[in-house]
Protein backbone atom coordinates (compact mmCIF):
# COMPACT_ATOMS: atom_id res chain seq x y z
CA MET A 1 74.50 -48.72 -13.80
CA LYS A 2 71.85 -50.59 -11.85
CA SER A 3 69.80 -48.75 -9.22
CA HIS A 4 69.87 -49.97 -5.62
CA PRO A 5 66.48 -51.38 -4.43
CA ILE A 6 66.42 -49.04 -1.38
CA SER A 7 67.18 -46.08 -3.61
CA GLN A 8 64.31 -47.02 -5.91
CA LEU A 9 61.99 -47.34 -2.89
CA ILE A 10 62.97 -43.89 -1.61
CA LYS A 11 62.33 -42.39 -5.06
CA SER A 12 58.93 -44.08 -5.26
CA ILE A 13 57.96 -42.77 -1.82
CA ALA A 14 59.13 -39.28 -2.77
CA VAL A 15 57.07 -39.33 -5.98
CA ALA A 16 54.03 -40.55 -4.05
CA ILE A 17 54.41 -37.79 -1.47
CA LEU A 18 54.78 -35.20 -4.25
CA LEU A 19 51.59 -36.45 -5.93
CA VAL A 20 49.69 -36.28 -2.64
CA LEU A 21 50.92 -32.72 -2.05
CA MET A 22 49.93 -31.70 -5.59
CA LEU A 23 46.47 -33.22 -5.15
CA ALA A 24 46.03 -31.51 -1.77
CA THR A 25 47.05 -28.18 -3.29
CA ALA A 26 44.59 -28.64 -6.17
CA VAL A 27 41.74 -29.51 -3.79
CA THR A 28 42.57 -26.57 -1.54
CA GLY A 29 42.62 -24.26 -4.55
CA GLN A 30 39.24 -25.55 -5.68
CA SER A 31 37.76 -25.05 -2.22
CA LYS A 32 38.92 -21.42 -2.20
CA LYS A 33 37.35 -20.72 -5.57
CA SER A 34 33.72 -19.90 -4.83
CA LYS A 35 30.88 -21.07 -7.02
CA GLU A 36 29.37 -18.10 -8.82
CA GLU A 37 25.94 -17.24 -7.45
CA TRP A 38 24.03 -15.62 -10.32
CA LYS A 39 20.78 -13.86 -9.49
CA THR A 40 17.83 -14.15 -11.85
CA LEU A 41 16.38 -10.66 -12.27
CA PHE A 42 13.45 -11.77 -14.43
CA ASN A 43 11.48 -14.76 -13.13
CA GLY A 44 9.84 -15.55 -16.47
CA LYS A 45 6.36 -14.95 -15.03
CA ASP A 46 5.85 -11.27 -14.26
CA ILE A 47 7.56 -7.89 -13.82
CA ASN A 48 6.59 -7.40 -10.17
CA ASP A 49 10.26 -6.78 -9.32
CA TRP A 50 10.50 -4.02 -11.91
CA ILE A 51 9.46 -0.34 -12.07
CA VAL A 52 7.99 1.28 -15.20
CA LYS A 53 8.65 4.89 -16.21
CA ILE A 54 7.41 6.17 -19.59
CA HIS A 55 7.81 9.72 -20.91
CA HIS A 56 4.59 11.79 -20.46
CA HIS A 57 3.42 9.44 -17.68
CA ASP A 58 3.98 9.08 -13.95
CA VAL A 59 6.18 6.37 -12.54
CA ASP A 60 4.57 2.91 -12.39
CA VAL A 61 2.10 3.71 -15.19
CA ASN A 62 2.65 0.98 -17.81
CA PHE A 63 0.91 2.89 -20.58
CA GLY A 64 -0.55 0.69 -23.32
CA ASN A 65 0.77 -2.41 -21.57
CA THR A 66 4.12 -1.52 -23.18
CA PHE A 67 6.07 -3.97 -21.03
CA ARG A 68 4.40 -7.36 -20.79
CA VAL A 69 5.34 -10.98 -20.07
CA GLU A 70 4.39 -13.74 -22.49
CA ASP A 71 5.95 -17.16 -23.07
CA GLY A 72 8.63 -16.52 -20.43
CA ILE A 73 9.80 -13.38 -22.26
CA ILE A 74 9.63 -9.66 -21.48
CA LYS A 75 8.02 -8.19 -24.57
CA VAL A 76 7.99 -4.51 -25.54
CA ARG A 77 4.92 -3.81 -27.69
CA TYR A 78 2.91 -0.85 -29.01
CA ASP A 79 -0.33 -2.41 -30.26
CA GLN A 80 -2.32 -0.26 -27.81
CA TYR A 81 -0.61 2.98 -28.93
CA GLY A 82 -1.71 5.41 -31.59
CA ASP A 83 1.12 7.71 -32.62
CA PHE A 84 4.27 7.01 -30.63
CA ASN A 85 4.35 10.60 -29.35
CA GLU A 86 7.89 10.40 -27.89
CA GLN A 87 6.71 7.99 -25.23
CA PHE A 88 10.18 6.62 -24.59
CA GLY A 89 9.97 4.08 -21.82
CA HIS A 90 12.18 2.12 -19.46
CA LEU A 91 11.65 -0.88 -17.21
CA TYR A 92 13.89 -0.68 -14.13
CA TYR A 93 14.94 -3.50 -11.87
CA LYS A 94 13.97 -2.57 -8.30
CA GLN A 95 17.50 -2.56 -6.84
CA PRO A 96 20.60 -0.51 -7.79
CA TYR A 97 24.00 -2.14 -8.28
CA SER A 98 27.59 -0.97 -8.51
CA TYR A 99 30.01 -3.82 -9.37
CA TYR A 100 28.51 -6.66 -11.38
CA ARG A 101 28.22 -8.77 -14.51
CA LEU A 102 24.87 -8.62 -16.30
CA VAL A 103 23.83 -11.04 -19.04
CA MET A 104 20.70 -11.15 -21.19
CA ASP A 105 19.42 -12.19 -24.61
CA TYR A 106 17.47 -9.89 -26.91
CA ARG A 107 15.87 -10.03 -30.34
CA PHE A 108 14.13 -7.42 -32.47
CA VAL A 109 10.69 -8.28 -33.84
CA GLY A 110 7.97 -6.55 -35.83
CA GLU A 111 7.90 -3.05 -37.29
CA LEU A 112 8.76 0.38 -35.91
CA GLN A 113 5.74 2.03 -34.29
CA ARG A 114 4.11 4.86 -36.23
CA GLY A 115 5.54 8.21 -35.20
CA ALA A 116 8.70 6.84 -33.60
CA PRO A 117 11.94 8.56 -34.71
CA GLU A 118 13.62 6.94 -37.70
CA TYR A 119 16.84 6.38 -35.77
CA THR A 120 15.00 4.06 -33.37
CA ILE A 121 14.33 1.39 -35.99
CA LYS A 122 15.79 -1.89 -34.65
CA ASN A 123 17.25 0.16 -31.83
CA SER A 124 16.93 -0.47 -28.09
CA GLY A 125 19.24 -1.17 -25.18
CA VAL A 126 19.83 -1.57 -21.48
CA MET A 127 20.53 1.45 -19.30
CA PHE A 128 22.77 1.19 -16.24
CA HIS A 129 24.07 3.46 -13.48
CA SER A 130 20.68 5.11 -13.96
CA GLN A 131 19.03 7.54 -11.61
CA ASP A 132 16.12 6.20 -9.56
CA PRO A 133 13.01 6.24 -11.80
CA ARG A 134 11.06 7.72 -8.88
CA SER A 135 13.29 10.80 -9.13
CA MET A 136 12.18 11.46 -12.73
CA PRO A 137 9.52 14.11 -13.41
CA LYS A 138 6.64 13.15 -15.66
CA GLU A 139 8.12 15.01 -18.64
CA GLN A 140 11.70 13.73 -18.41
CA ASN A 141 12.45 11.90 -21.66
CA TRP A 142 15.38 9.60 -20.74
CA PRO A 143 17.01 8.76 -17.44
CA ILE A 144 20.43 10.17 -16.61
CA SER A 145 22.34 6.95 -17.24
CA VAL A 146 24.73 5.07 -19.51
CA GLU A 147 23.36 2.76 -22.20
CA MET A 148 24.59 -0.45 -23.76
CA GLN A 149 22.81 0.12 -27.06
CA PHE A 150 21.34 -2.76 -29.07
CA LEU A 151 21.09 -2.43 -32.86
CA ALA A 152 20.31 -4.81 -35.72
CA GLY A 153 21.19 -4.66 -39.38
CA LEU A 154 18.75 -2.96 -41.72
CA GLY A 155 19.19 -5.46 -44.55
CA ASP A 156 21.10 -2.97 -46.69
CA GLY A 157 24.49 -4.66 -46.41
CA LYS A 158 25.92 -1.83 -44.31
CA PRO A 159 27.61 -2.60 -40.99
CA ARG A 160 25.56 -1.76 -37.90
CA PRO A 161 27.33 -3.02 -34.77
CA THR A 162 25.51 -3.75 -31.52
CA CYS A 163 26.40 -3.24 -27.85
CA ASN A 164 27.57 0.30 -28.49
CA MET A 165 27.73 2.94 -25.76
CA CYS A 166 25.33 5.89 -25.61
CA SER A 167 25.34 8.53 -22.90
CA PRO A 168 22.07 10.31 -22.03
CA GLY A 169 23.06 12.97 -19.52
CA THR A 170 26.46 11.39 -19.04
CA ASP A 171 30.06 11.28 -20.27
CA VAL A 172 32.64 8.49 -20.35
CA VAL A 173 36.38 8.31 -20.83
CA TYR A 174 37.33 6.50 -24.05
CA ASN A 175 40.87 6.15 -25.40
CA GLY A 176 42.19 8.19 -22.52
CA LYS A 177 39.90 11.22 -22.69
CA VAL A 178 36.30 12.27 -22.19
CA ASP A 179 34.64 11.39 -25.48
CA PRO A 180 32.49 14.19 -26.98
CA ASN A 181 30.23 11.81 -28.90
CA HIS A 182 26.82 10.77 -27.62
CA CYS A 183 27.40 7.22 -28.89
CA ILE A 184 30.56 5.14 -29.40
CA ASN A 185 30.42 2.17 -31.75
CA SER A 186 31.62 -1.25 -30.67
CA THR A 187 33.63 -3.66 -32.83
CA SER A 188 30.83 -6.25 -33.00
CA ALA A 189 29.50 -7.95 -36.08
CA THR A 190 26.14 -6.92 -37.58
CA TYR A 191 23.19 -9.10 -36.56
CA GLU A 192 20.32 -9.15 -39.02
CA GLY A 193 16.71 -10.20 -38.58
CA ASP A 194 15.03 -11.50 -35.46
CA GLN A 195 17.79 -13.75 -34.13
CA TRP A 196 18.53 -13.92 -30.41
CA VAL A 197 21.76 -12.16 -29.44
CA HIS A 198 23.56 -12.90 -26.16
CA THR A 199 25.11 -9.91 -24.39
CA GLU A 200 27.16 -9.29 -21.29
CA LEU A 201 27.83 -6.05 -19.45
CA ILE A 202 30.67 -5.88 -16.91
CA VAL A 203 30.50 -2.85 -14.63
CA MET A 204 33.09 -1.92 -12.01
CA GLY A 205 31.68 1.10 -10.24
CA ASP A 206 32.95 4.33 -11.76
CA SER A 207 36.17 2.74 -13.05
CA LEU A 208 35.81 0.24 -15.90
CA VAL A 209 32.92 -0.88 -18.16
CA ILE A 210 33.15 -3.73 -20.70
CA HIS A 211 30.60 -4.79 -23.34
CA LYS A 212 30.51 -8.33 -24.76
CA VAL A 213 28.51 -9.94 -27.57
CA ASN A 214 28.21 -13.72 -27.77
CA GLY A 215 31.19 -14.03 -25.41
CA GLU A 216 33.54 -11.63 -27.21
CA GLU A 217 34.61 -8.24 -25.88
CA VAL A 218 33.56 -5.48 -28.27
CA LEU A 219 34.00 -2.26 -26.28
CA ARG A 220 35.55 -0.91 -23.09
CA TYR A 221 35.65 2.53 -21.50
CA SER A 222 35.92 4.07 -18.04
CA LYS A 223 34.86 6.77 -15.58
CA PRO A 224 31.12 7.18 -16.28
CA GLN A 225 30.00 10.55 -14.95
CA MET A 226 27.23 13.10 -15.26
CA GLY A 227 27.62 15.39 -18.27
CA GLY A 228 26.76 15.60 -21.94
CA GLY A 229 23.27 16.43 -23.13
CA VAL A 230 20.23 14.74 -24.73
CA VAL A 231 18.20 14.40 -21.51
CA THR A 232 15.47 17.00 -20.97
CA GLY A 233 12.88 17.62 -18.28
CA TYR A 234 15.03 16.39 -15.39
CA ASP A 235 15.07 17.80 -11.87
CA PRO A 236 17.86 20.45 -11.85
CA ALA A 237 18.66 19.60 -8.23
CA LEU A 238 20.00 16.22 -9.41
CA TRP A 239 22.24 17.65 -12.12
CA GLU A 240 25.93 17.65 -11.15
CA PRO A 241 28.20 17.65 -14.24
CA GLY A 242 31.38 15.70 -13.60
CA LYS A 243 29.93 13.72 -10.69
CA PRO A 244 31.19 10.10 -10.91
CA LEU A 245 28.50 7.48 -11.38
CA THR A 246 29.41 4.72 -8.97
CA GLU A 247 26.12 2.82 -8.96
CA GLY A 248 22.57 2.95 -10.24
CA TYR A 249 19.55 1.16 -11.60
CA ILE A 250 19.40 -1.21 -14.58
CA ALA A 251 16.62 -0.60 -17.12
CA LEU A 252 15.36 -2.18 -20.34
CA GLN A 253 14.52 0.33 -23.04
CA SER A 254 11.43 1.05 -25.14
CA GLU A 255 12.00 3.48 -28.04
CA GLY A 256 9.29 2.53 -30.53
CA GLN A 257 10.77 -0.72 -31.88
CA PRO A 258 9.24 -3.99 -30.63
CA ILE A 259 11.85 -6.13 -28.88
CA ASP A 260 12.03 -9.22 -26.65
CA PHE A 261 14.27 -9.84 -23.62
CA LYS A 262 14.99 -13.07 -21.74
CA ASN A 263 17.58 -14.85 -19.55
CA ILE A 264 18.33 -11.72 -17.54
CA GLU A 265 20.83 -12.61 -14.82
CA LEU A 266 23.28 -10.71 -12.64
CA LEU A 267 26.42 -11.71 -10.74
CA ASN A 268 27.10 -9.23 -7.97
CA LEU A 269 30.85 -8.54 -7.67
CA GLU A 270 30.57 -6.53 -4.45
CA GLY A 271 30.43 -8.18 -1.05
CA CYS A 272 32.36 -9.73 1.80
CA MET A 273 36.01 -10.33 0.92
CA ASP A 274 37.09 -11.75 4.29
CA PRO A 275 37.92 -15.48 3.78
CA LYS A 276 36.96 -16.12 7.43
CA ALA A 277 33.36 -15.03 6.80
CA THR A 278 30.61 -17.48 5.93
CA ASN A 279 29.51 -15.41 2.94
CA TYR A 280 32.97 -14.81 1.47
CA LYS A 281 33.19 -15.15 -2.32
CA SER A 282 36.51 -15.41 -4.12
CA TYR A 283 35.16 -13.61 -7.18
CA PHE A 284 34.20 -10.40 -5.37
CA ILE A 285 36.31 -7.44 -6.50
CA LYS A 286 34.74 -4.70 -4.37
CA SER A 287 34.86 -5.09 -0.60
CA LYS A 288 31.77 -4.49 1.49
CA PRO A 289 32.86 -5.26 5.08
CA ASP A 290 29.47 -4.56 6.66
CA ALA A 291 28.02 -7.40 4.57
CA CYS A 292 30.22 -10.04 6.24
CA THR A 293 28.68 -12.70 8.47
CA TYR A 294 30.58 -15.03 10.77
CA LYS A 295 29.95 -18.26 12.63
CA LYS A 296 28.93 -17.71 16.25
């Protein structure tokens, strides 16, 4: 049966209107989705925005030029050391965070420093939810924190995953219960040699933590809190077992193995969640009402 010309016209108009509505909806949806504003924590030139704390030394003493910047890379080196002497060190970004995504690239280089513990060979990491380095006594060995641990293969054919979880002075909930182990292995592949490895850490306050390697999730756990052991020399006034860790400092580790870090960026997931505000971001997941700004 043939269609009437007027009927065809009405159908064409209806289709056109539908397409316009679909396009308008798509554009509106795009406008509501905010562009991610990543913050560069390392400027590629210096570590002026970072705080050094090394065991046996006061805060801001970069003993032996342990943390240095060369070729746009943060390098951890020990060429001005003698024996390692348990001088575990950390380089802290100046500002604490709570809800965020953190990405960085690392690679292991060189040989383990003389006197460093055997377990630290091709071993480093990034600490988060850490105590303020200025609250650490001179003889505190590690910060009370949670660590995304970096490891490399030892060339012996045995698996050695990276982006594991270690817990100096802390506990986490894994598989539904507080895990008694100091470290929990991830499901990542083993990375040998001095290749660059891309990592991502997703932290949601004291609820959920996710580790990723080269874009793939390899570990998740929840409820970071004070507890466990390992840390010594801390101020007892700060020690509150069971206290949830909702925020803290981010720190790059030095344990006796030379390592390089680069491309260190952070996406803050906490901020103004009011769509009427000028600084609203659709990707925020933690509301911070006092951060909102509005047009006058």
